[in-house]
Protein backbone atom coordinates (compact mmCIF):
# COMPACT_ATOMS: atom_id res chain seq x y z
CA UNK A 1 -0.68 27.99 8.86
CA UNK A 2 -3.00 25.05 9.50
CA UNK A 3 -1.75 21.51 9.31
CA UNK A 4 -2.10 19.63 6.04
CA UNK A 5 -4.67 16.84 6.16
CA UNK A 6 -3.50 13.32 5.38
CA UNK A 7 -5.38 11.44 2.70
CA UNK A 8 -7.25 8.91 4.87
CA UNK A 9 -7.60 6.25 2.18
CA UNK A 10 -3.85 6.35 1.55
CA UNK A 11 -3.14 6.23 5.29
CA UNK A 12 -5.05 2.95 5.53
CA UNK A 13 -3.29 1.41 2.52
CA UNK A 14 0.38 2.40 2.87
CA UNK A 15 2.98 2.19 5.64
CA UNK A 16 6.39 3.84 5.56
CA UNK A 17 9.49 1.61 5.43
CA UNK A 18 12.82 2.33 7.08
CA UNK A 19 14.42 3.32 3.80
CA UNK A 20 11.85 5.99 3.01
CA UNK A 21 9.67 3.95 0.65
CA UNK A 22 6.20 2.59 1.26
CA UNK A 23 4.86 -0.92 1.58
CA UNK A 24 1.45 -2.06 0.44
CA UNK A 25 -0.68 -5.18 0.50
CA UNK A 26 -1.25 -7.28 -2.61
CA UNK A 27 -4.53 -6.93 -4.47
CA UNK A 28 -7.00 -9.66 -5.57
CA UNK A 29 -7.33 -11.29 -2.13
CA UNK A 30 -10.74 -9.92 -1.07
CA UNK A 31 -13.39 -12.03 -2.77
CA UNK A 32 -14.03 -14.64 -5.49
CA UNK A 33 -11.29 -16.77 -3.94
CA UNK A 34 -12.74 -20.17 -4.88
CA UNK A 35 -11.60 -20.01 -8.50
CA UNK A 36 -8.07 -18.90 -7.57
CA UNK A 37 -5.53 -21.62 -6.93
CA UNK A 38 -3.94 -22.11 -3.53
CA UNK A 39 -0.55 -21.22 -4.97
CA UNK A 40 -1.87 -17.98 -6.42
CA UNK A 41 -3.47 -16.96 -3.11
CA UNK A 42 -0.32 -17.91 -1.18
CA UNK A 43 1.84 -15.68 -3.38
CA UNK A 44 -0.55 -12.77 -2.81
CA UNK A 45 -0.12 -12.92 0.98
CA UNK A 46 3.04 -10.87 1.39
CA UNK A 47 3.64 -7.15 1.17
CA UNK A 48 5.13 -5.34 -1.80
CA UNK A 49 7.04 -2.10 -2.14
CA UNK A 50 5.40 0.79 -3.95
CA UNK A 51 7.07 1.49 -7.27
CA UNK A 52 9.66 4.27 -7.20
CA UNK A 53 7.64 6.41 -9.60
CA UNK A 54 4.67 6.42 -7.17
CA UNK A 55 6.58 7.32 -3.98
CA UNK A 56 6.39 11.06 -4.65
CA UNK A 57 2.60 11.08 -4.94
CA UNK A 58 2.15 8.94 -1.82
CA UNK A 59 4.53 11.27 0.06
CA UNK A 60 2.25 14.14 -0.89
CA UNK A 61 -0.83 12.28 0.37
CA UNK A 62 0.83 11.38 3.69
CA UNK A 63 2.79 14.44 4.82
CA UNK A 64 3.35 13.37 8.46
CA UNK A 65 4.02 9.64 8.10
């Protein structure tokens, strides 16, 4: 049996956490930043956990992570 390929776009977006979930970066921080307030941009800096309902599909995209 050949190895399963990882979904490369998912591999760049998600990292596994110690508890078996996945962390992801916040969206809306790429462009058009001048109209967004400093507070709004500051709160978008950190990482978030993927919602529990999405973990199964990300697991399927990243079989060896």
